[in-house]
N, C-alpha and C. Protein backbone atom coordinates (compact mmCIF):
# COMPACT_ATOMS: atom_id res chain seq x y z
N MET A 1 -1.38 22.44 -29.21
CA MET A 1 -2.21 23.61 -29.40
C MET A 1 -1.58 24.80 -28.71
N ALA A 2 -1.59 25.93 -29.38
CA ALA A 2 -1.02 27.14 -28.82
C ALA A 2 -1.84 27.59 -27.62
N GLY A 3 -1.16 28.03 -26.57
CA GLY A 3 -1.84 28.55 -25.41
C GLY A 3 -2.31 27.50 -24.42
N LYS A 4 -2.27 26.24 -24.78
CA LYS A 4 -2.71 25.18 -23.87
C LYS A 4 -1.49 24.50 -23.28
N LYS A 5 -1.41 24.50 -21.95
CA LYS A 5 -0.27 23.90 -21.27
C LYS A 5 -0.37 22.38 -21.34
N GLN A 6 0.69 21.76 -21.76
CA GLN A 6 0.74 20.31 -21.82
C GLN A 6 1.47 19.78 -20.58
N PHE A 7 1.02 18.66 -20.07
CA PHE A 7 1.72 18.05 -18.94
C PHE A 7 1.51 16.55 -18.98
N ASP A 8 2.38 15.84 -18.29
CA ASP A 8 2.30 14.38 -18.21
C ASP A 8 1.39 14.01 -17.03
N VAL A 9 0.27 13.39 -17.34
CA VAL A 9 -0.71 13.02 -16.31
C VAL A 9 -0.09 12.10 -15.27
N ASP A 10 0.72 11.13 -15.72
CA ASP A 10 1.33 10.18 -14.77
C ASP A 10 2.26 10.89 -13.79
N ILE A 11 3.04 11.84 -14.29
CA ILE A 11 3.96 12.59 -13.41
C ILE A 11 3.16 13.42 -12.42
N ALA A 12 2.10 14.06 -12.89
CA ALA A 12 1.26 14.87 -12.00
C ALA A 12 0.59 14.00 -10.94
N LEU A 13 0.08 12.83 -11.33
CA LEU A 13 -0.54 11.92 -10.36
C LEU A 13 0.46 11.42 -9.33
N ASP A 14 1.67 11.09 -9.78
CA ASP A 14 2.70 10.66 -8.83
C ASP A 14 3.02 11.77 -7.83
N ALA A 15 3.12 13.00 -8.32
CA ALA A 15 3.43 14.13 -7.44
C ALA A 15 2.29 14.34 -6.43
N ALA A 16 1.06 14.25 -6.90
CA ALA A 16 -0.08 14.40 -5.99
C ALA A 16 -0.12 13.26 -4.97
N MET A 17 0.16 12.04 -5.45
CA MET A 17 0.16 10.88 -4.56
C MET A 17 1.18 11.06 -3.44
N VAL A 18 2.38 11.49 -3.79
CA VAL A 18 3.43 11.69 -2.78
C VAL A 18 3.03 12.80 -1.81
N GLN A 19 2.41 13.86 -2.32
CA GLN A 19 1.96 14.94 -1.44
C GLN A 19 0.92 14.44 -0.43
N PHE A 20 -0.08 13.72 -0.92
CA PHE A 20 -1.09 13.16 -0.01
C PHE A 20 -0.45 12.17 0.97
N TRP A 21 0.47 11.36 0.47
CA TRP A 21 1.13 10.35 1.28
C TRP A 21 1.94 11.02 2.38
N ARG A 22 2.63 12.08 2.04
CA ARG A 22 3.49 12.76 3.01
C ARG A 22 2.67 13.48 4.07
N ALA A 23 1.63 14.19 3.66
CA ALA A 23 0.91 15.08 4.58
C ALA A 23 -0.45 14.55 5.01
N GLY A 24 -1.00 13.59 4.28
CA GLY A 24 -2.35 13.11 4.57
C GLY A 24 -3.38 13.95 3.84
N TYR A 25 -4.57 13.39 3.72
CA TYR A 25 -5.64 14.07 2.98
C TYR A 25 -5.98 15.41 3.63
N ALA A 26 -6.25 15.41 4.93
CA ALA A 26 -6.73 16.62 5.61
C ALA A 26 -5.69 17.74 5.58
N ASN A 27 -4.42 17.38 5.66
CA ASN A 27 -3.37 18.40 5.73
C ASN A 27 -2.80 18.77 4.36
N THR A 28 -3.45 18.33 3.30
CA THR A 28 -3.03 18.70 1.95
C THR A 28 -4.07 19.64 1.36
N SER A 29 -3.63 20.84 1.07
CA SER A 29 -4.53 21.84 0.49
C SER A 29 -4.41 21.82 -1.04
N LEU A 30 -5.33 22.50 -1.69
CA LEU A 30 -5.23 22.62 -3.15
C LEU A 30 -3.97 23.38 -3.54
N ASP A 31 -3.56 24.34 -2.71
CA ASP A 31 -2.30 25.05 -2.98
C ASP A 31 -1.12 24.09 -2.90
N ASP A 32 -1.14 23.18 -1.92
CA ASP A 32 -0.08 22.16 -1.81
C ASP A 32 -0.04 21.30 -3.07
N LEU A 33 -1.22 20.88 -3.52
CA LEU A 33 -1.30 20.04 -4.72
C LEU A 33 -0.84 20.80 -5.95
N SER A 34 -1.17 22.06 -6.01
CA SER A 34 -0.74 22.90 -7.13
C SER A 34 0.78 23.01 -7.15
N ARG A 35 1.37 23.26 -5.99
CA ARG A 35 2.84 23.34 -5.92
C ARG A 35 3.48 22.00 -6.28
N ALA A 36 2.94 20.92 -5.75
CA ALA A 36 3.53 19.59 -5.98
C ALA A 36 3.46 19.19 -7.45
N THR A 37 2.34 19.48 -8.09
CA THR A 37 2.14 19.02 -9.48
C THR A 37 2.59 20.04 -10.52
N GLY A 38 2.73 21.30 -10.09
CA GLY A 38 3.05 22.36 -11.05
C GLY A 38 1.84 22.81 -11.85
N LEU A 39 0.64 22.38 -11.43
CA LEU A 39 -0.59 22.76 -12.13
C LEU A 39 -1.36 23.78 -11.31
N ASN A 40 -2.00 24.72 -11.98
CA ASN A 40 -2.84 25.67 -11.24
C ASN A 40 -4.16 24.98 -10.87
N ARG A 41 -4.94 25.63 -10.02
CA ARG A 41 -6.19 25.02 -9.53
C ARG A 41 -7.12 24.65 -10.67
N SER A 42 -7.20 25.53 -11.64
CA SER A 42 -8.09 25.29 -12.78
C SER A 42 -7.69 24.02 -13.53
N SER A 43 -6.38 23.84 -13.73
CA SER A 43 -5.90 22.64 -14.42
C SER A 43 -6.12 21.39 -13.58
N LEU A 44 -5.94 21.52 -12.27
CA LEU A 44 -6.19 20.38 -11.38
C LEU A 44 -7.65 19.94 -11.49
N TYR A 45 -8.56 20.89 -11.39
CA TYR A 45 -9.98 20.56 -11.47
C TYR A 45 -10.36 19.98 -12.82
N SER A 46 -9.88 20.60 -13.90
CA SER A 46 -10.27 20.14 -15.22
C SER A 46 -9.66 18.78 -15.55
N SER A 47 -8.51 18.49 -14.99
CA SER A 47 -7.84 17.21 -15.29
C SER A 47 -8.24 16.09 -14.36
N PHE A 48 -8.49 16.41 -13.09
CA PHE A 48 -8.69 15.34 -12.10
C PHE A 48 -9.99 15.46 -11.30
N GLY A 49 -10.73 16.53 -11.46
CA GLY A 49 -11.93 16.73 -10.67
C GLY A 49 -11.60 17.36 -9.33
N ASP A 50 -12.46 17.15 -8.35
CA ASP A 50 -12.24 17.75 -7.04
C ASP A 50 -11.17 16.98 -6.25
N LYS A 51 -10.90 17.46 -5.05
CA LYS A 51 -9.84 16.87 -4.22
C LYS A 51 -10.12 15.39 -3.93
N ASP A 52 -11.38 15.06 -3.64
CA ASP A 52 -11.72 13.65 -3.38
C ASP A 52 -11.43 12.78 -4.60
N SER A 53 -11.80 13.25 -5.76
CA SER A 53 -11.57 12.48 -7.00
C SER A 53 -10.08 12.27 -7.24
N LEU A 54 -9.29 13.31 -7.02
CA LEU A 54 -7.85 13.19 -7.19
C LEU A 54 -7.28 12.21 -6.17
N TYR A 55 -7.75 12.28 -4.93
CA TYR A 55 -7.26 11.38 -3.90
C TYR A 55 -7.58 9.92 -4.24
N LEU A 56 -8.79 9.69 -4.74
CA LEU A 56 -9.17 8.33 -5.14
C LEU A 56 -8.27 7.81 -6.25
N ARG A 57 -7.95 8.66 -7.20
CA ARG A 57 -7.04 8.24 -8.28
C ARG A 57 -5.66 7.93 -7.73
N CYS A 58 -5.22 8.73 -6.77
CA CYS A 58 -3.91 8.47 -6.15
C CYS A 58 -3.92 7.16 -5.37
N LEU A 59 -4.99 6.90 -4.63
CA LEU A 59 -5.11 5.64 -3.90
C LEU A 59 -5.07 4.45 -4.86
N ASP A 60 -5.82 4.56 -5.96
CA ASP A 60 -5.84 3.48 -6.95
C ASP A 60 -4.45 3.28 -7.56
N ARG A 61 -3.78 4.37 -7.82
CA ARG A 61 -2.43 4.30 -8.42
C ARG A 61 -1.47 3.60 -7.45
N TYR A 62 -1.55 3.99 -6.19
CA TYR A 62 -0.70 3.40 -5.15
C TYR A 62 -0.99 1.90 -5.04
N ALA A 63 -2.28 1.55 -4.94
CA ALA A 63 -2.66 0.14 -4.78
C ALA A 63 -2.22 -0.69 -5.98
N ALA A 64 -2.32 -0.14 -7.17
CA ALA A 64 -1.90 -0.88 -8.37
C ALA A 64 -0.38 -1.05 -8.40
N ARG A 65 0.33 0.01 -8.09
CA ARG A 65 1.80 -0.04 -8.15
C ARG A 65 2.35 -1.08 -7.18
N TYR A 66 1.94 -1.03 -5.94
CA TYR A 66 2.48 -1.96 -4.96
C TYR A 66 1.78 -3.31 -5.01
N GLY A 67 0.51 -3.32 -5.40
CA GLY A 67 -0.22 -4.58 -5.54
C GLY A 67 0.42 -5.50 -6.55
N SER A 68 0.88 -4.97 -7.66
CA SER A 68 1.53 -5.83 -8.66
C SER A 68 2.84 -6.40 -8.12
N ARG A 69 3.52 -5.64 -7.29
CA ARG A 69 4.77 -6.14 -6.68
C ARG A 69 4.46 -7.24 -5.66
N TYR A 70 3.39 -7.05 -4.89
CA TYR A 70 2.99 -8.09 -3.95
C TYR A 70 2.56 -9.36 -4.68
N ASP A 71 1.82 -9.19 -5.77
CA ASP A 71 1.40 -10.35 -6.56
C ASP A 71 2.61 -11.13 -7.07
N GLN A 72 3.60 -10.40 -7.57
CA GLN A 72 4.81 -11.05 -8.08
C GLN A 72 5.52 -11.80 -6.95
N ALA A 73 5.61 -11.18 -5.79
CA ALA A 73 6.29 -11.81 -4.65
C ALA A 73 5.60 -13.11 -4.25
N LEU A 74 4.28 -13.13 -4.30
CA LEU A 74 3.52 -14.29 -3.84
C LEU A 74 3.28 -15.32 -4.94
N SER A 75 3.75 -15.06 -6.13
CA SER A 75 3.43 -15.92 -7.27
C SER A 75 3.95 -17.35 -7.13
N ARG A 76 4.96 -17.58 -6.32
CA ARG A 76 5.51 -18.93 -6.16
C ARG A 76 5.12 -19.54 -4.81
N ALA A 77 4.03 -19.07 -4.24
CA ALA A 77 3.62 -19.56 -2.91
C ALA A 77 3.34 -21.05 -2.90
N SER A 78 2.86 -21.60 -4.01
CA SER A 78 2.55 -23.04 -4.01
C SER A 78 3.81 -23.88 -3.93
N GLU A 79 4.93 -23.39 -4.49
CA GLU A 79 6.19 -24.14 -4.46
C GLU A 79 7.08 -23.76 -3.27
N GLU A 80 7.12 -22.48 -2.94
CA GLU A 80 8.02 -21.99 -1.89
C GLU A 80 7.27 -20.99 -1.00
N PRO A 81 6.35 -21.48 -0.17
CA PRO A 81 5.49 -20.56 0.57
C PRO A 81 6.23 -19.61 1.51
N LEU A 82 7.22 -20.10 2.24
CA LEU A 82 7.92 -19.21 3.17
C LEU A 82 8.71 -18.14 2.42
N GLN A 83 9.37 -18.55 1.34
CA GLN A 83 10.11 -17.57 0.55
C GLN A 83 9.17 -16.55 -0.08
N ALA A 84 7.99 -17.00 -0.49
CA ALA A 84 7.02 -16.10 -1.11
C ALA A 84 6.51 -15.07 -0.11
N VAL A 85 6.20 -15.50 1.10
CA VAL A 85 5.71 -14.56 2.12
C VAL A 85 6.83 -13.62 2.53
N ARG A 86 8.04 -14.13 2.63
CA ARG A 86 9.16 -13.25 2.97
C ARG A 86 9.36 -12.22 1.85
N ALA A 87 9.22 -12.64 0.59
CA ALA A 87 9.33 -11.72 -0.54
C ALA A 87 8.22 -10.66 -0.48
N PHE A 88 7.04 -11.09 -0.05
CA PHE A 88 5.92 -10.15 0.15
C PHE A 88 6.34 -9.05 1.12
N PHE A 89 6.90 -9.44 2.27
CA PHE A 89 7.35 -8.45 3.25
C PHE A 89 8.48 -7.59 2.70
N GLU A 90 9.33 -8.18 1.86
CA GLU A 90 10.44 -7.41 1.29
C GLU A 90 9.94 -6.26 0.42
N VAL A 91 8.79 -6.45 -0.24
CA VAL A 91 8.22 -5.35 -1.02
C VAL A 91 7.98 -4.15 -0.10
N THR A 92 7.44 -4.42 1.07
CA THR A 92 7.17 -3.34 2.03
C THR A 92 8.47 -2.74 2.56
N LEU A 93 9.43 -3.59 2.89
CA LEU A 93 10.71 -3.08 3.41
C LEU A 93 11.43 -2.23 2.36
N GLU A 94 11.36 -2.63 1.11
CA GLU A 94 11.98 -1.84 0.04
C GLU A 94 11.30 -0.49 -0.10
N ARG A 95 9.96 -0.48 0.00
CA ARG A 95 9.23 0.78 -0.08
C ARG A 95 9.62 1.68 1.09
N ILE A 96 9.70 1.11 2.28
CA ILE A 96 10.07 1.89 3.46
C ILE A 96 11.47 2.47 3.32
N ALA A 97 12.38 1.71 2.72
CA ALA A 97 13.77 2.16 2.57
C ALA A 97 13.97 3.11 1.39
N ASP A 98 12.99 3.23 0.52
CA ASP A 98 13.11 4.07 -0.68
C ASP A 98 13.11 5.54 -0.29
N PRO A 99 14.21 6.25 -0.55
CA PRO A 99 14.28 7.66 -0.15
C PRO A 99 13.40 8.56 -1.00
N ASP A 100 12.87 8.06 -2.10
CA ASP A 100 12.07 8.88 -3.00
C ASP A 100 10.59 8.91 -2.65
N VAL A 101 10.18 8.11 -1.65
CA VAL A 101 8.78 8.12 -1.23
C VAL A 101 8.71 8.33 0.28
N PRO A 102 7.59 8.84 0.78
CA PRO A 102 7.45 9.05 2.22
C PRO A 102 7.42 7.73 2.99
N ASP A 103 7.64 7.83 4.29
CA ASP A 103 7.49 6.67 5.16
C ASP A 103 6.02 6.28 5.21
N GLY A 104 5.78 5.07 5.68
CA GLY A 104 4.42 4.63 5.88
C GLY A 104 3.78 4.06 4.63
N CYS A 105 2.47 4.00 4.65
CA CYS A 105 1.68 3.41 3.58
C CYS A 105 0.45 4.29 3.36
N LEU A 106 0.22 4.69 2.14
CA LEU A 106 -0.92 5.57 1.86
C LEU A 106 -2.24 4.90 2.22
N ILE A 107 -2.34 3.60 2.01
CA ILE A 107 -3.59 2.90 2.32
C ILE A 107 -3.79 2.81 3.84
N ALA A 108 -2.73 2.46 4.58
CA ALA A 108 -2.84 2.39 6.04
C ALA A 108 -3.18 3.77 6.61
N GLN A 109 -2.53 4.78 6.09
CA GLN A 109 -2.77 6.15 6.53
C GLN A 109 -4.23 6.55 6.28
N THR A 110 -4.74 6.16 5.13
CA THR A 110 -6.13 6.47 4.78
C THR A 110 -7.09 5.71 5.69
N ALA A 111 -6.80 4.44 5.92
CA ALA A 111 -7.67 3.63 6.79
C ALA A 111 -7.72 4.21 8.20
N MET A 112 -6.58 4.67 8.70
CA MET A 112 -6.56 5.23 10.06
C MET A 112 -7.34 6.54 10.14
N ALA A 113 -7.39 7.28 9.03
CA ALA A 113 -8.12 8.55 9.02
C ALA A 113 -9.56 8.39 8.54
N ALA A 114 -9.98 7.17 8.27
CA ALA A 114 -11.29 6.92 7.65
C ALA A 114 -12.47 7.64 8.32
N PRO A 115 -12.54 7.71 9.66
CA PRO A 115 -13.70 8.38 10.26
C PRO A 115 -13.84 9.85 9.85
N ALA A 116 -12.74 10.48 9.48
CA ALA A 116 -12.77 11.90 9.11
C ALA A 116 -12.85 12.12 7.60
N LEU A 117 -12.86 11.03 6.84
CA LEU A 117 -12.86 11.14 5.38
C LEU A 117 -14.24 10.87 4.82
N SER A 118 -14.41 11.16 3.54
CA SER A 118 -15.69 10.89 2.91
C SER A 118 -15.93 9.38 2.89
N PRO A 119 -17.18 8.95 2.89
CA PRO A 119 -17.47 7.51 2.85
C PRO A 119 -16.85 6.83 1.63
N THR A 120 -16.77 7.53 0.51
CA THR A 120 -16.20 6.94 -0.70
C THR A 120 -14.72 6.65 -0.53
N ILE A 121 -14.00 7.59 0.05
CA ILE A 121 -12.56 7.38 0.27
C ILE A 121 -12.34 6.29 1.31
N ALA A 122 -13.09 6.33 2.39
CA ALA A 122 -12.96 5.30 3.43
C ALA A 122 -13.23 3.92 2.84
N ALA A 123 -14.26 3.81 2.02
CA ALA A 123 -14.60 2.53 1.41
C ALA A 123 -13.49 2.04 0.49
N ARG A 124 -12.84 2.96 -0.22
CA ARG A 124 -11.76 2.57 -1.13
C ARG A 124 -10.57 2.02 -0.35
N ALA A 125 -10.26 2.62 0.80
CA ALA A 125 -9.17 2.11 1.63
C ALA A 125 -9.51 0.73 2.18
N ILE A 126 -10.75 0.54 2.62
CA ILE A 126 -11.18 -0.76 3.13
C ILE A 126 -11.13 -1.80 2.02
N GLU A 127 -11.53 -1.40 0.82
CA GLU A 127 -11.47 -2.30 -0.34
C GLU A 127 -10.03 -2.72 -0.63
N ALA A 128 -9.10 -1.76 -0.56
CA ALA A 128 -7.69 -2.08 -0.82
C ALA A 128 -7.15 -3.06 0.22
N LEU A 129 -7.54 -2.88 1.48
CA LEU A 129 -7.12 -3.82 2.52
C LEU A 129 -7.74 -5.20 2.28
N GLY A 130 -8.98 -5.21 1.82
CA GLY A 130 -9.63 -6.47 1.49
C GLY A 130 -8.93 -7.20 0.36
N LEU A 131 -8.46 -6.46 -0.63
CA LEU A 131 -7.71 -7.08 -1.73
C LEU A 131 -6.39 -7.67 -1.22
N GLN A 132 -5.76 -6.96 -0.29
CA GLN A 132 -4.52 -7.48 0.29
C GLN A 132 -4.79 -8.79 1.03
N HIS A 133 -5.86 -8.82 1.80
CA HIS A 133 -6.24 -10.03 2.53
C HIS A 133 -6.51 -11.17 1.55
N ALA A 134 -7.27 -10.90 0.49
CA ALA A 134 -7.59 -11.93 -0.50
C ALA A 134 -6.35 -12.44 -1.21
N ARG A 135 -5.43 -11.54 -1.53
CA ARG A 135 -4.17 -11.91 -2.18
C ARG A 135 -3.39 -12.88 -1.30
N LEU A 136 -3.31 -12.57 -0.03
CA LEU A 136 -2.57 -13.43 0.90
C LEU A 136 -3.28 -14.76 1.13
N ARG A 137 -4.60 -14.72 1.28
CA ARG A 137 -5.36 -15.96 1.49
C ARG A 137 -5.20 -16.90 0.30
N THR A 138 -5.27 -16.36 -0.91
CA THR A 138 -5.10 -17.18 -2.11
C THR A 138 -3.72 -17.82 -2.13
N ALA A 139 -2.70 -17.05 -1.79
CA ALA A 139 -1.33 -17.58 -1.78
C ALA A 139 -1.18 -18.66 -0.72
N LEU A 140 -1.75 -18.45 0.45
CA LEU A 140 -1.61 -19.43 1.53
C LEU A 140 -2.43 -20.69 1.25
N ASN A 141 -3.56 -20.54 0.59
CA ASN A 141 -4.31 -21.71 0.14
C ASN A 141 -3.50 -22.50 -0.88
N ALA A 142 -2.82 -21.79 -1.79
CA ALA A 142 -1.97 -22.45 -2.78
C ALA A 142 -0.82 -23.19 -2.11
N ALA A 143 -0.42 -22.71 -0.94
CA ALA A 143 0.64 -23.37 -0.17
C ALA A 143 0.12 -24.54 0.64
N GLN A 144 -1.16 -24.87 0.44
CA GLN A 144 -1.82 -26.01 1.08
C GLN A 144 -2.03 -25.82 2.58
N LEU A 145 -2.14 -24.59 3.00
CA LEU A 145 -2.53 -24.32 4.37
C LEU A 145 -4.04 -24.53 4.45
N ALA A 146 -4.51 -25.13 5.50
CA ALA A 146 -5.96 -25.38 5.65
C ALA A 146 -6.72 -24.06 5.55
N ASP A 147 -7.95 -24.13 5.03
CA ASP A 147 -8.74 -22.92 4.76
C ASP A 147 -8.80 -21.95 5.95
N GLY A 148 -9.17 -22.46 7.12
CA GLY A 148 -9.26 -21.59 8.30
C GLY A 148 -7.93 -20.98 8.66
N ASP A 149 -6.87 -21.80 8.60
CA ASP A 149 -5.53 -21.30 8.91
C ASP A 149 -5.08 -20.29 7.86
N ALA A 150 -5.38 -20.57 6.60
CA ALA A 150 -5.00 -19.64 5.52
C ALA A 150 -5.64 -18.28 5.75
N ASP A 151 -6.90 -18.28 6.12
CA ASP A 151 -7.60 -17.01 6.36
C ASP A 151 -7.03 -16.31 7.58
N ASP A 152 -6.78 -17.06 8.66
CA ASP A 152 -6.22 -16.46 9.88
C ASP A 152 -4.84 -15.87 9.62
N PHE A 153 -3.99 -16.61 8.93
CA PHE A 153 -2.65 -16.10 8.64
C PHE A 153 -2.69 -14.93 7.65
N ALA A 154 -3.65 -14.95 6.72
CA ALA A 154 -3.78 -13.83 5.79
C ALA A 154 -4.11 -12.55 6.55
N VAL A 155 -5.01 -12.64 7.51
CA VAL A 155 -5.35 -11.48 8.33
C VAL A 155 -4.13 -11.04 9.14
N HIS A 156 -3.45 -12.01 9.73
CA HIS A 156 -2.28 -11.70 10.55
C HIS A 156 -1.18 -11.03 9.71
N ILE A 157 -0.85 -11.62 8.57
CA ILE A 157 0.23 -11.08 7.74
C ILE A 157 -0.14 -9.70 7.21
N MET A 158 -1.40 -9.52 6.84
CA MET A 158 -1.85 -8.20 6.39
C MET A 158 -1.67 -7.18 7.52
N ALA A 159 -2.06 -7.55 8.74
CA ALA A 159 -1.94 -6.64 9.88
C ALA A 159 -0.48 -6.33 10.19
N VAL A 160 0.37 -7.34 10.14
CA VAL A 160 1.80 -7.12 10.37
C VAL A 160 2.37 -6.20 9.31
N ASN A 161 1.98 -6.43 8.06
CA ASN A 161 2.47 -5.60 6.97
C ASN A 161 2.09 -4.13 7.17
N GLN A 162 0.85 -3.90 7.59
CA GLN A 162 0.42 -2.52 7.84
C GLN A 162 1.16 -1.94 9.05
N SER A 163 1.42 -2.78 10.04
CA SER A 163 2.13 -2.28 11.22
C SER A 163 3.56 -1.88 10.87
N LEU A 164 4.17 -2.56 9.90
CA LEU A 164 5.52 -2.16 9.46
C LEU A 164 5.49 -0.73 8.93
N ALA A 165 4.45 -0.41 8.17
CA ALA A 165 4.32 0.94 7.62
C ALA A 165 4.14 1.97 8.74
N VAL A 166 3.32 1.62 9.74
CA VAL A 166 3.11 2.54 10.85
C VAL A 166 4.41 2.70 11.65
N LEU A 167 5.08 1.60 11.93
CA LEU A 167 6.34 1.68 12.67
C LEU A 167 7.39 2.49 11.92
N SER A 168 7.39 2.40 10.59
CA SER A 168 8.38 3.16 9.82
C SER A 168 8.19 4.65 10.01
N ARG A 169 6.97 5.07 10.27
CA ARG A 169 6.70 6.49 10.51
C ARG A 169 7.27 6.94 11.86
N THR A 170 7.53 5.98 12.74
CA THR A 170 8.12 6.32 14.05
C THR A 170 9.63 6.16 14.01
N ARG A 171 10.15 5.96 12.82
CA ARG A 171 11.60 5.81 12.58
C ARG A 171 12.17 4.51 13.13
N ALA A 172 11.33 3.48 13.21
CA ALA A 172 11.84 2.16 13.60
C ALA A 172 12.87 1.73 12.56
N GLY A 173 13.94 1.12 13.01
CA GLY A 173 15.00 0.69 12.11
C GLY A 173 14.66 -0.60 11.38
N GLN A 174 15.42 -0.87 10.33
CA GLN A 174 15.22 -2.09 9.55
C GLN A 174 15.33 -3.34 10.42
N GLN A 175 16.25 -3.34 11.38
CA GLN A 175 16.42 -4.52 12.23
C GLN A 175 15.16 -4.78 13.07
N GLN A 176 14.57 -3.72 13.61
CA GLN A 176 13.33 -3.88 14.37
C GLN A 176 12.22 -4.42 13.47
N LEU A 177 12.12 -3.87 12.27
CA LEU A 177 11.07 -4.31 11.35
C LEU A 177 11.28 -5.77 10.96
N ARG A 178 12.52 -6.15 10.73
CA ARG A 178 12.80 -7.55 10.38
C ARG A 178 12.51 -8.50 11.53
N THR A 179 12.71 -8.05 12.76
CA THR A 179 12.38 -8.87 13.92
C THR A 179 10.87 -9.15 13.97
N VAL A 180 10.07 -8.13 13.70
CA VAL A 180 8.61 -8.31 13.65
C VAL A 180 8.25 -9.35 12.59
N ILE A 181 8.87 -9.23 11.42
CA ILE A 181 8.61 -10.18 10.33
C ILE A 181 9.03 -11.58 10.73
N ASP A 182 10.21 -11.71 11.36
CA ASP A 182 10.73 -13.03 11.73
C ASP A 182 9.78 -13.78 12.67
N VAL A 183 9.15 -13.07 13.59
CA VAL A 183 8.21 -13.71 14.51
C VAL A 183 7.04 -14.31 13.72
N SER A 184 6.52 -13.55 12.76
CA SER A 184 5.43 -14.04 11.93
C SER A 184 5.86 -15.21 11.06
N MET A 185 7.08 -15.14 10.54
CA MET A 185 7.57 -16.21 9.67
C MET A 185 7.74 -17.51 10.46
N ARG A 186 8.20 -17.42 11.71
CA ARG A 186 8.34 -18.63 12.52
C ARG A 186 6.98 -19.27 12.78
N ALA A 187 5.99 -18.45 13.09
CA ALA A 187 4.64 -18.98 13.33
C ALA A 187 4.10 -19.64 12.06
N LEU A 188 4.31 -19.00 10.91
CA LEU A 188 3.83 -19.56 9.66
C LEU A 188 4.54 -20.86 9.33
N SER A 189 5.83 -20.94 9.60
CA SER A 189 6.59 -22.16 9.27
C SER A 189 6.05 -23.36 10.06
N HIS A 190 5.57 -23.13 11.28
CA HIS A 190 5.01 -24.22 12.07
C HIS A 190 3.62 -24.65 11.58
N ALA A 191 2.92 -23.73 10.93
CA ALA A 191 1.56 -24.03 10.47
C ALA A 191 1.53 -24.68 9.09
N LEU A 192 2.57 -24.48 8.30
CA LEU A 192 2.59 -25.04 6.94
C LEU A 192 2.79 -26.54 6.98
N PRO A 193 2.16 -27.25 6.06
CA PRO A 193 2.39 -28.70 6.00
C PRO A 193 3.84 -29.00 5.63
N ALA A 194 4.36 -30.10 6.15
CA ALA A 194 5.75 -30.47 5.84
C ALA A 194 5.88 -30.74 4.35
N ARG A 195 7.01 -30.28 3.79
CA ARG A 195 7.28 -30.49 2.37
C ARG A 195 8.12 -31.75 2.20
N SER A 196 7.80 -32.52 1.16
CA SER A 196 8.59 -33.73 0.93
C SER A 196 9.76 -33.41 0.04
């Protein structure tokens, strides 16, 4: 249509997601989002709603993008549990090493800022962490870890994974991050039933 600006919604959402990820919700203004996406305020509102609505879409996009990678990594947990959990951590290490995205984790960043955010945004971050916990618990149950141990290790691995994102923001090196992972992997290897 003449006079109507066309744009790729996925590209605009990715740009907004990176802006929020880099600066955080509170430190991202509508002008920042306009610059990042190339859309004026009117187009932002008409396409995505208010800032909270756009942030929720970005959180969902982030969770889906990395969630599918985590699911793939854990898909062989019943046959190769240690390799699957290590692959899970590799998803995070690859994201941290990716020069095209900011350091850290958008979900961890949101969870840490939850007291200052709207209840809807805070709840979405808590929900995303809950999905991560459930994903890990399911994989560890498939690896025949006892129910209580599977739940405990799922919480532990989720917490370690989030700490990797936080440490990456402090410029911790890959070797330091791998050392953190190795400690968790050793503990998990002792808890898993022996394989025949």
